[in-house]
Amino acid sequence: MSSPIRAEDVEAAAVLLHDLLDPTPLQPSARHSTATGAHVLLKREDLQPVRSYKLRGAYTLIARLSPEQRAKGVVAASAGNHAQGVAYACARLGVQARIYLPRTTPRQKRDRVAALGGEHVEVVVGGDVYDDAAASALRHARESGATVVPAFDHVDTMAGQGTVAREVVEQLGRAPDVVLVPVGGGGLLGGMATWFAEHHPATRVVGIEPSGAASMSAALEAGRPVAIGDVDPFVDGAAVREVGALTYAAVSATDAPVHSIAEGAVAVEMLALYQTEGIVTEPAGSLATAALAAIDLDELGIAPGSTVVAVVSGGNNDVSRYAEVVEKALVHQGRKHYFLVDFPQEPGALRRFLDEVLGPDDDIALFEYVKRSNRETGPALVGVELGAPEDLDPLLRRMEASPVRIERIRPSSPLFRFIQ
């Protein structure tokens, strides 16, 4: 399949963006370099004026509109980051915009869109995922004549986002061995992989997407874009049900491999970036770096001593989400578990559970008890945080030996969704 985008499109976009954006830092990561044996650098797109790379594509497309198109305004759909790029570009270029956001968009992102766009932007919130917002944007475009500014599925959008690749090589002074790129709709991967394929074909460009929204992997397997089923909204910046026809064609033409990782691994990396490097990312911003611990290095093509660049794609995280992030991280690491415990309704039942079942480093993180006065037992939902993952087996053995009826709630259980 031929690609709809060429490296020369990326070069032209770089010229257009030259006076608008300063290069984002390319910073060494001591933590990941030590863990992998490679020379790992972080491309800090979270430090853009809108705290994500999305500004590159949005501005490139809007700046190229004719005066007639600008007069009719633009419309966009976004999970938040693209919306901020559109808002920033419209405020700079004096273009009116209507922007549709899914309800899962964090409050912080909604507020930033309104602040960046000011009087030039109208924000409309509705739909559960990005694809719902995109459908609303298309309807508005048909009715109003406004130009749609796609978050990923447009040559100009991909070209602008692809300038990250060119910038990396300029800063490094040479091409890296491996580049890890987060994937939602595929615009960043399509643009970067195309540029590297033409200018530095030896560089291995790898896409990383969340397992709960693995739409690019599904498209590559099917040979065309396909709509996947339920989408996990945790990695909201990459929660796309179906990739675009153009982005699929660009990625497919470069043969860039795409891997998916669990949302829990993303949560673990978000906390590590914050606690070790002092970097605040949103879930999608941690996709690429999370792959360094979640995926076998041989699969990524990373050898000891190689130079690896991981794109930190966004930093628009609502601080109120950190409780959810910590929860997902603990569950993924095997340190947080939930149980249904049927306690006898008699004095000392809870004390015996604490003394005889829980280990010395185990902690009750959740306890919800429903007392049934007309029954001999009463159920309780108990969340246990372990001192270490390997403490689980001894805990389960003590539970099995206990006279109290205890049922483990596994993450695969539908009931687990109500807990998280």
Protein backbone atom coordinates (compact mmCIF):
# COMPACT_ATOMS: atom_id res chain seq x y z
CA MET A 1 0.00 0.00 0.00
CA SER A 2 1.36 3.43 -0.94
CA SER A 3 1.56 6.11 1.71
CA PRO A 4 -0.56 9.28 1.41
CA ILE A 5 2.25 11.30 2.97
CA ARG A 6 5.86 11.88 1.95
CA ALA A 7 8.88 13.10 3.87
CA GLU A 8 8.75 16.32 1.85
CA ASP A 9 5.34 17.05 3.42
CA VAL A 10 6.96 16.84 6.84
CA GLU A 11 9.79 19.12 5.71
CA ALA A 12 7.29 21.71 4.47
CA ALA A 13 5.42 21.57 7.76
CA ALA A 14 8.68 22.12 9.65
CA VAL A 15 9.23 25.35 7.73
CA LEU A 16 5.71 26.49 8.57
CA LEU A 17 6.19 25.74 12.29
CA HIS A 18 9.70 27.18 12.55
CA ASP A 19 8.71 30.60 13.88
CA LEU A 20 5.83 29.30 16.00
CA LEU A 21 7.44 26.60 18.14
CA ASP A 22 10.76 26.16 19.87
CA PRO A 23 12.21 22.62 19.79
CA THR A 24 11.13 20.55 22.79
CA PRO A 25 13.96 19.08 24.92
CA LEU A 26 15.55 15.72 24.22
CA GLN A 27 16.51 14.56 27.72
CA PRO A 28 18.51 11.51 28.84
CA SER A 29 16.64 9.08 31.11
CA ALA A 30 19.02 7.62 33.69
CA ARG A 31 16.31 5.30 35.04
CA HIS A 32 15.46 3.67 31.73
CA SER A 33 19.06 3.68 30.51
CA THR A 34 20.16 1.76 33.61
CA ALA A 35 17.27 -0.70 33.35
CA THR A 36 17.72 -1.44 29.64
CA GLY A 37 21.46 -1.02 29.06
CA ALA A 38 20.61 1.33 26.19
CA HIS A 39 21.03 5.09 25.89
CA VAL A 40 17.44 6.21 26.38
CA LEU A 41 16.31 9.76 25.69
CA LEU A 42 12.89 11.33 26.25
CA LYS A 43 11.43 13.64 23.61
CA ARG A 44 9.50 16.05 25.83
CA GLU A 45 6.46 16.95 23.75
CA ASP A 46 4.64 17.48 27.07
CA LEU A 47 6.48 20.81 27.21
CA GLN A 48 4.76 22.29 24.17
CA PRO A 49 2.67 25.45 24.79
CA VAL A 50 -0.42 23.20 24.83
CA ARG A 51 1.49 20.40 26.63
CA SER A 52 1.32 17.93 23.75
CA TYR A 53 2.56 17.39 20.19
CA LYS A 54 -0.96 17.90 18.79
CA LEU A 55 -0.31 21.58 18.19
CA ARG A 56 2.08 20.69 15.37
CA GLY A 57 -0.60 19.06 13.23
CA ALA A 58 -3.46 21.41 14.07
CA TYR A 59 -1.52 24.55 13.25
CA THR A 60 -0.13 23.11 10.03
CA LEU A 61 -3.60 22.32 8.71
CA ILE A 62 -5.34 25.54 9.79
CA ALA A 63 -2.51 27.80 8.57
CA ARG A 64 -2.89 26.32 5.08
CA LEU A 65 -6.61 27.11 4.77
CA SER A 66 -7.73 29.60 2.15
CA PRO A 67 -9.25 32.96 3.23
CA GLU A 68 -12.67 31.62 2.23
CA GLN A 69 -12.23 28.50 4.38
CA ARG A 70 -11.02 30.55 7.33
CA ALA A 71 -14.08 32.77 7.08
CA LYS A 72 -16.38 29.74 7.49
CA GLY A 73 -14.47 28.55 10.53
CA VAL A 74 -13.26 25.11 11.56
CA VAL A 75 -14.63 22.22 13.59
CA ALA A 76 -12.72 19.50 15.44
CA ALA A 77 -13.24 16.50 17.68
CA SER A 78 -10.74 15.56 20.33
CA ALA A 79 -10.10 13.75 23.59
CA GLY A 80 -8.50 17.00 24.75
CA ASN A 81 -4.99 17.49 23.38
CA HIS A 82 -5.91 18.04 19.74
CA ALA A 83 -8.59 20.44 20.93
CA GLN A 84 -5.97 22.51 22.72
CA GLY A 85 -3.83 22.57 19.58
CA VAL A 86 -6.80 23.73 17.51
CA ALA A 87 -7.73 26.35 20.12
CA TYR A 88 -4.18 27.70 20.25
CA ALA A 89 -3.88 27.80 16.46
CA CYS A 90 -7.26 29.50 16.01
CA ALA A 91 -6.43 32.16 18.58
CA ARG A 92 -3.12 32.86 16.80
CA LEU A 93 -4.65 32.87 13.30
CA GLY A 94 -7.97 34.57 14.13
CA VAL A 95 -10.17 31.65 13.04
CA GLN A 96 -13.44 30.64 14.74
CA ALA A 97 -13.75 27.02 15.89
CA ARG A 98 -16.30 24.67 17.38
CA ILE A 99 -14.66 21.81 19.27
CA TYR A 100 -16.41 18.60 20.37
CA LEU A 101 -15.02 16.74 23.38
CA PRO A 102 -16.16 13.32 24.69
CA ARG A 103 -17.51 13.26 28.24
CA THR A 104 -14.45 11.29 29.36
CA THR A 105 -12.23 14.32 28.70
CA PRO A 106 -10.77 15.41 32.08
CA ARG A 107 -11.96 18.75 33.44
CA GLN A 108 -8.42 20.10 33.28
CA LYS A 109 -8.32 19.61 29.50
CA ARG A 110 -11.75 21.17 28.99
CA ASP A 111 -10.74 24.27 30.92
CA ARG A 112 -7.47 24.56 29.03
CA VAL A 113 -9.26 24.41 25.66
CA ALA A 114 -11.51 27.28 26.67
CA ALA A 115 -8.61 29.33 28.06
CA LEU A 116 -6.36 28.83 25.02
CA GLY A 117 -9.06 29.58 22.47
CA GLY A 118 -10.81 32.41 24.27
CA GLU A 119 -13.43 34.11 22.13
CA HIS A 120 -12.40 32.10 19.07
CA VAL A 121 -13.58 28.72 20.41
CA GLU A 122 -16.93 27.15 21.36
CA VAL A 123 -16.62 23.90 23.33
CA VAL A 124 -19.31 21.20 23.08
CA VAL A 125 -19.10 18.15 25.38
CA GLY A 126 -20.90 14.89 24.48
CA GLY A 127 -20.40 11.21 23.65
CA ASP A 128 -18.48 8.54 25.54
CA VAL A 129 -15.32 8.27 23.38
CA TYR A 130 -13.46 10.22 20.70
CA ASP A 131 -15.38 8.55 17.87
CA ASP A 132 -18.70 9.88 19.21
CA ALA A 133 -17.33 13.41 19.28
CA ALA A 134 -15.95 12.96 15.75
CA ALA A 135 -19.39 11.99 14.43
CA SER A 136 -20.86 15.17 15.94
CA ALA A 137 -18.11 17.27 14.38
CA LEU A 138 -18.81 15.82 10.93
CA ARG A 139 -22.50 16.61 11.25
CA HIS A 140 -21.73 20.20 12.15
CA ALA A 141 -19.34 20.52 9.22
CA ARG A 142 -22.00 19.33 6.77
CA GLU A 143 -24.53 21.78 8.17
CA SER A 144 -22.27 24.84 8.50
CA GLY A 145 -19.63 24.48 5.80
CA ALA A 146 -16.86 24.65 8.42
CA THR A 147 -13.61 22.83 7.68
CA VAL A 148 -12.96 19.70 9.72
CA VAL A 149 -9.56 19.65 11.41
CA PRO A 150 -8.95 15.92 12.03
CA ALA A 151 -7.00 14.88 15.09
CA PHE A 152 -4.98 12.45 12.97
CA ASP A 153 -6.54 11.42 9.63
CA HIS A 154 -5.29 14.19 7.34
CA VAL A 155 -2.06 14.64 5.41
CA ASP A 156 -1.40 18.08 6.93
CA THR A 157 -2.07 16.80 10.45
CA MET A 158 0.30 13.87 9.97
CA ALA A 159 2.92 16.10 8.34
CA GLY A 160 2.88 18.54 11.25
CA GLN A 161 3.04 15.78 13.84
CA GLY A 162 5.80 14.07 11.88
CA THR A 163 8.10 17.07 12.44
CA VAL A 164 8.93 15.48 15.81
CA ALA A 165 11.10 12.97 13.89
CA ARG A 166 13.04 15.65 12.04
CA GLU A 167 13.58 17.58 15.26
CA VAL A 168 14.92 14.51 17.09
CA VAL A 169 17.63 13.95 14.46
CA GLU A 170 18.60 17.62 14.43
CA GLN A 171 18.99 17.63 18.21
CA LEU A 172 20.79 14.30 18.42
CA GLY A 173 23.06 15.06 15.48
CA ARG A 174 22.33 11.63 14.01
CA ALA A 175 19.48 9.14 13.68
CA PRO A 176 18.64 7.03 16.75
CA ASP A 177 18.52 3.25 16.54
CA VAL A 178 14.97 2.93 17.87
CA VAL A 179 12.10 5.39 18.30
CA LEU A 180 9.09 4.52 20.46
CA VAL A 181 5.93 6.38 19.47
CA PRO A 182 2.56 6.40 21.29
CA VAL A 183 -0.41 5.47 19.10
CA GLY A 184 -4.03 6.54 19.28
CA GLY A 185 -5.35 7.37 15.83
CA GLY A 186 -1.91 6.94 14.26
CA GLY A 187 -1.10 10.47 13.08
CA LEU A 188 2.15 10.81 15.02
CA LEU A 189 3.32 7.31 14.09
CA GLY A 190 2.35 7.78 10.43
CA GLY A 191 4.20 11.08 10.12
CA MET A 192 7.31 10.05 12.03
CA ALA A 193 7.62 6.60 10.46
CA THR A 194 7.27 8.07 6.97
CA TRP A 195 10.00 10.64 7.55
CA PHE A 196 12.40 8.09 9.04
CA ALA A 197 11.67 5.55 6.31
CA GLU A 198 12.78 8.01 3.62
CA HIS A 199 15.67 9.73 5.40
CA HIS A 200 16.96 7.12 7.89
CA PRO A 201 15.54 3.71 6.99
CA ALA A 202 17.82 1.92 9.47
CA THR A 203 15.99 3.52 12.38
CA ARG A 204 13.36 1.19 13.82
CA VAL A 205 10.13 3.09 14.57
CA VAL A 206 7.79 1.22 16.92
CA GLY A 207 4.22 2.17 17.81
CA ILE A 208 2.88 1.62 21.34
CA GLU A 209 -0.87 1.61 22.00
CA PRO A 210 -3.02 0.73 25.03
CA SER A 211 -4.40 -2.80 25.06
CA GLY A 212 -7.84 -1.43 25.85
CA ALA A 213 -7.85 0.56 22.60
CA ALA A 214 -5.61 -1.44 20.26
CA SER A 215 -7.22 -0.10 17.10
CA MET A 216 -4.04 0.21 14.99
CA SER A 217 -3.05 -3.40 15.73
CA ALA A 218 -6.57 -4.46 14.75
CA ALA A 219 -6.31 -2.51 11.49
CA LEU A 220 -2.93 -3.98 10.58
CA GLU A 221 -4.21 -7.47 11.28
CA ALA A 222 -7.39 -6.95 9.23
CA GLY A 223 -5.65 -5.15 6.37
CA ARG A 224 -7.88 -2.08 6.79
CA PRO A 225 -9.23 0.19 9.53
CA VAL A 226 -11.82 -1.65 11.63
CA ALA A 227 -13.91 -0.60 14.60
CA ILE A 228 -12.93 -2.45 17.77
CA GLY A 229 -15.41 -3.29 20.56
CA ASP A 230 -15.41 -1.73 24.01
CA VAL A 231 -12.72 0.90 24.49
CA ASP A 232 -11.04 1.36 27.87
CA PRO A 233 -11.14 5.15 28.46
CA PHE A 234 -8.24 5.25 30.95
CA VAL A 235 -5.65 6.25 28.30
CA ASP A 236 -8.06 8.90 27.08
CA GLY A 237 -5.60 10.57 24.70
CA ALA A 238 -5.27 7.30 22.76
CA ALA A 239 -8.74 5.81 23.27
CA VAL A 240 -9.69 5.57 19.59
CA ARG A 241 -12.16 2.93 18.39
CA GLU A 242 -11.08 3.06 14.72
CA VAL A 243 -7.93 4.52 13.17
CA GLY A 244 -8.12 6.65 10.04
CA ALA A 245 -7.78 5.42 6.48
CA LEU A 246 -4.85 7.76 5.83
CA THR A 247 -3.01 7.00 9.06
CA TYR A 248 -3.47 3.28 8.51
CA ALA A 249 -2.09 3.60 4.98
CA ALA A 250 0.93 5.56 6.19
CA VAL A 251 1.76 3.13 9.01
CA SER A 252 1.16 0.08 6.82
CA ALA A 253 3.41 1.44 4.07
CA THR A 254 6.34 1.79 6.49
CA ASP A 255 5.89 -1.66 8.08
CA ALA A 256 6.28 -0.04 11.49
CA PRO A 257 5.45 -2.65 14.16
CA VAL A 258 2.81 -1.80 16.74
CA HIS A 259 2.66 -3.30 20.24
CA SER A 260 -0.02 -2.92 22.89
CA ILE A 261 0.51 -2.69 26.65
CA ALA A 262 -1.83 -2.96 29.62
CA GLU A 263 -3.33 0.17 31.10
CA GLY A 264 -1.90 -0.88 34.45
CA ALA A 265 1.63 -0.73 33.03
CA VAL A 266 0.91 2.81 31.87
CA ALA A 267 -0.22 3.75 35.38
CA VAL A 268 2.97 2.29 36.86
CA GLU A 269 5.07 4.36 34.46
CA MET A 270 3.10 7.55 35.14
CA LEU A 271 3.96 7.23 38.83
CA ALA A 272 7.60 6.39 38.09
CA LEU A 273 8.00 9.41 35.82
CA TYR A 274 6.51 11.65 38.47
CA GLN A 275 8.40 10.20 41.44
CA THR A 276 11.80 9.73 39.76
CA GLU A 277 12.10 12.28 36.96
CA GLY A 278 9.55 14.80 38.25
CA ILE A 279 7.63 14.59 34.95
CA VAL A 280 3.84 14.92 35.06
CA THR A 281 2.26 13.05 32.16
CA GLU A 282 -1.22 12.04 31.17
CA PRO A 283 -1.73 8.30 30.52
CA ALA A 284 -1.08 8.59 26.77
CA GLY A 285 2.09 10.54 27.51
CA SER A 286 3.54 7.51 29.31
CA LEU A 287 2.76 4.90 26.65
CA ALA A 288 6.14 4.95 24.91
CA THR A 289 8.29 4.89 28.05
CA ALA A 290 6.07 2.26 29.70
CA ALA A 291 6.92 -0.10 26.83
CA LEU A 292 10.54 -0.20 27.99
CA ALA A 293 9.46 -2.22 31.04
CA ALA A 294 6.32 -3.89 29.70
CA ILE A 295 7.64 -5.37 26.43
CA ASP A 296 10.63 -7.62 25.80
CA LEU A 297 13.50 -5.46 24.56
CA ASP A 298 14.28 -7.87 21.73
CA GLU A 299 10.77 -7.38 20.38
CA LEU A 300 11.32 -3.64 20.42
CA GLY A 301 14.65 -4.08 18.65
CA ILE A 302 16.60 -2.58 21.54
CA ALA A 303 20.12 -3.91 22.10
CA PRO A 304 22.62 -2.93 24.81
CA GLY A 305 24.33 0.33 23.90
CA SER A 306 21.75 1.34 21.30
CA THR A 307 20.26 4.83 21.21
CA VAL A 308 16.54 4.87 21.95
CA VAL A 309 14.17 7.85 21.81
CA ALA A 310 10.78 7.60 23.52
CA VAL A 311 8.22 10.31 22.82
CA VAL A 312 6.59 11.70 25.97
CA SER A 313 3.56 12.90 24.08
CA GLY A 314 1.46 14.83 26.58
CA GLY A 315 1.27 16.27 30.07
CA ASN A 316 -2.37 17.29 30.38
CA ASN A 317 -3.24 15.22 33.42
CA ASP A 318 -5.93 16.14 35.92
CA VAL A 319 -4.43 15.82 39.41
CA SER A 320 -7.73 14.38 40.67
CA ARG A 321 -7.04 11.26 38.57
CA TYR A 322 -3.99 10.21 40.58
CA ALA A 323 -6.06 8.09 42.98
CA GLU A 324 -7.22 6.07 39.97
CA VAL A 325 -3.66 5.92 38.64
CA VAL A 326 -2.31 4.58 41.95
CA GLU A 327 -5.10 2.01 42.10
CA LYS A 328 -4.41 0.71 38.59
CA ALA A 329 -0.69 0.58 39.28
CA LEU A 330 -1.10 -1.45 42.48
CA VAL A 331 -3.46 -3.92 40.81
CA HIS A 332 -1.12 -4.31 37.83
CA GLN A 333 1.87 -4.90 40.11
CA GLY A 334 -0.05 -7.59 42.00
CA ARG A 335 -0.12 -5.64 45.25
CA LYS A 336 -3.84 -4.80 45.44
CA HIS A 337 -6.52 -7.50 45.60
CA TYR A 338 -10.21 -7.67 46.41
CA PHE A 339 -12.23 -10.33 48.18
CA LEU A 340 -15.81 -11.05 49.23
CA VAL A 341 -15.65 -12.24 52.84
CA ASP A 342 -18.74 -13.79 54.45
CA PHE A 343 -18.16 -12.95 58.13
CA PRO A 344 -19.98 -14.83 60.90
CA GLN A 345 -22.17 -12.37 62.78
CA GLU A 346 -20.53 -12.96 66.11
CA PRO A 347 -18.11 -11.00 68.32
CA GLY A 348 -14.44 -11.33 67.39
CA ALA A 349 -14.97 -12.43 63.76
CA LEU A 350 -13.13 -9.47 62.31
CA ARG A 351 -10.33 -9.76 64.87
CA ARG A 352 -9.76 -13.42 63.95
CA PHE A 353 -9.63 -12.46 60.25
CA LEU A 354 -6.99 -9.82 60.97
CA ASP A 355 -4.92 -12.10 63.21
CA GLU A 356 -5.20 -15.41 61.36
CA VAL A 357 -5.60 -14.47 57.68
CA LEU A 358 -3.77 -11.22 57.02
CA GLY A 359 0.03 -11.22 56.95
CA PRO A 360 2.26 -8.81 58.92
CA ASP A 361 2.77 -6.51 55.90
CA ASP A 362 -0.80 -6.73 54.54
CA ASP A 363 -3.07 -3.74 54.89
CA ILE A 364 -6.84 -3.40 54.54
CA ALA A 365 -7.36 -0.65 51.95
CA LEU A 366 -11.13 -1.09 51.62
CA PHE A 367 -13.79 -2.52 53.92
CA GLU A 368 -17.49 -2.34 53.12
CA TYR A 369 -19.70 -4.45 55.39
CA VAL A 370 -23.40 -5.17 55.07
CA LYS A 371 -24.81 -6.50 58.33
CA ARG A 372 -27.73 -8.96 58.00
CA SER A 373 -29.37 -9.14 61.42
CA ASN A 374 -31.63 -12.03 60.40
CA ARG A 375 -28.80 -14.17 59.05
CA GLU A 376 -25.85 -15.96 60.59
CA THR A 377 -23.30 -14.32 58.28
CA GLY A 378 -22.79 -10.90 56.72
CA PRO A 379 -20.83 -10.19 53.52
CA ALA A 380 -18.02 -7.67 53.31
CA LEU A 381 -16.05 -6.34 50.36
CA VAL A 382 -12.42 -6.27 51.46
CA GLY A 383 -9.54 -4.70 49.58
CA VAL A 384 -6.09 -5.85 50.66
CA GLU A 385 -2.83 -4.10 49.78
CA LEU A 386 0.16 -6.42 50.06
CA GLY A 387 3.63 -5.44 51.10
CA ALA A 388 4.98 -7.30 48.04
CA PRO A 389 3.40 -9.24 45.15
CA GLU A 390 4.89 -12.53 46.37
CA ASP A 391 2.83 -12.23 49.57
CA LEU A 392 -0.31 -13.22 47.62
CA ASP A 393 0.16 -17.00 47.63
CA PRO A 394 0.66 -17.23 51.41
CA LEU A 395 -2.42 -15.03 51.87
CA LEU A 396 -4.52 -17.27 49.62
CA ARG A 397 -3.37 -20.38 51.53
CA ARG A 398 -4.37 -18.81 54.85
CA MET A 399 -7.74 -17.85 53.36
CA GLU A 400 -8.30 -21.41 52.16
CA ALA A 401 -7.51 -22.74 55.63
CA SER A 402 -9.84 -20.26 57.33
CA PRO A 403 -13.36 -21.39 58.29
CA VAL A 404 -14.67 -18.11 56.89
CA ARG A 405 -16.00 -18.32 53.31
CA ILE A 406 -13.80 -16.03 51.14
CA GLU A 407 -14.11 -15.44 47.40
CA ARG A 408 -11.42 -13.66 45.39
CA ILE A 409 -12.57 -11.04 42.86
CA ARG A 410 -10.26 -11.27 39.88
CA PRO A 411 -9.59 -8.29 37.54
CA SER A 412 -11.22 -10.28 34.71
CA SER A 413 -14.50 -10.48 36.64
CA PRO A 414 -17.34 -8.10 35.62
CA LEU A 415 -17.71 -7.29 39.34
CA PHE A 416 -14.20 -5.81 39.32
CA ARG A 417 -15.44 -2.95 37.09
CA PHE A 418 -17.70 -1.76 39.91
CA ILE A 419 -14.74 -1.62 42.27
CA GLN A 420 -12.53 0.37 39.95
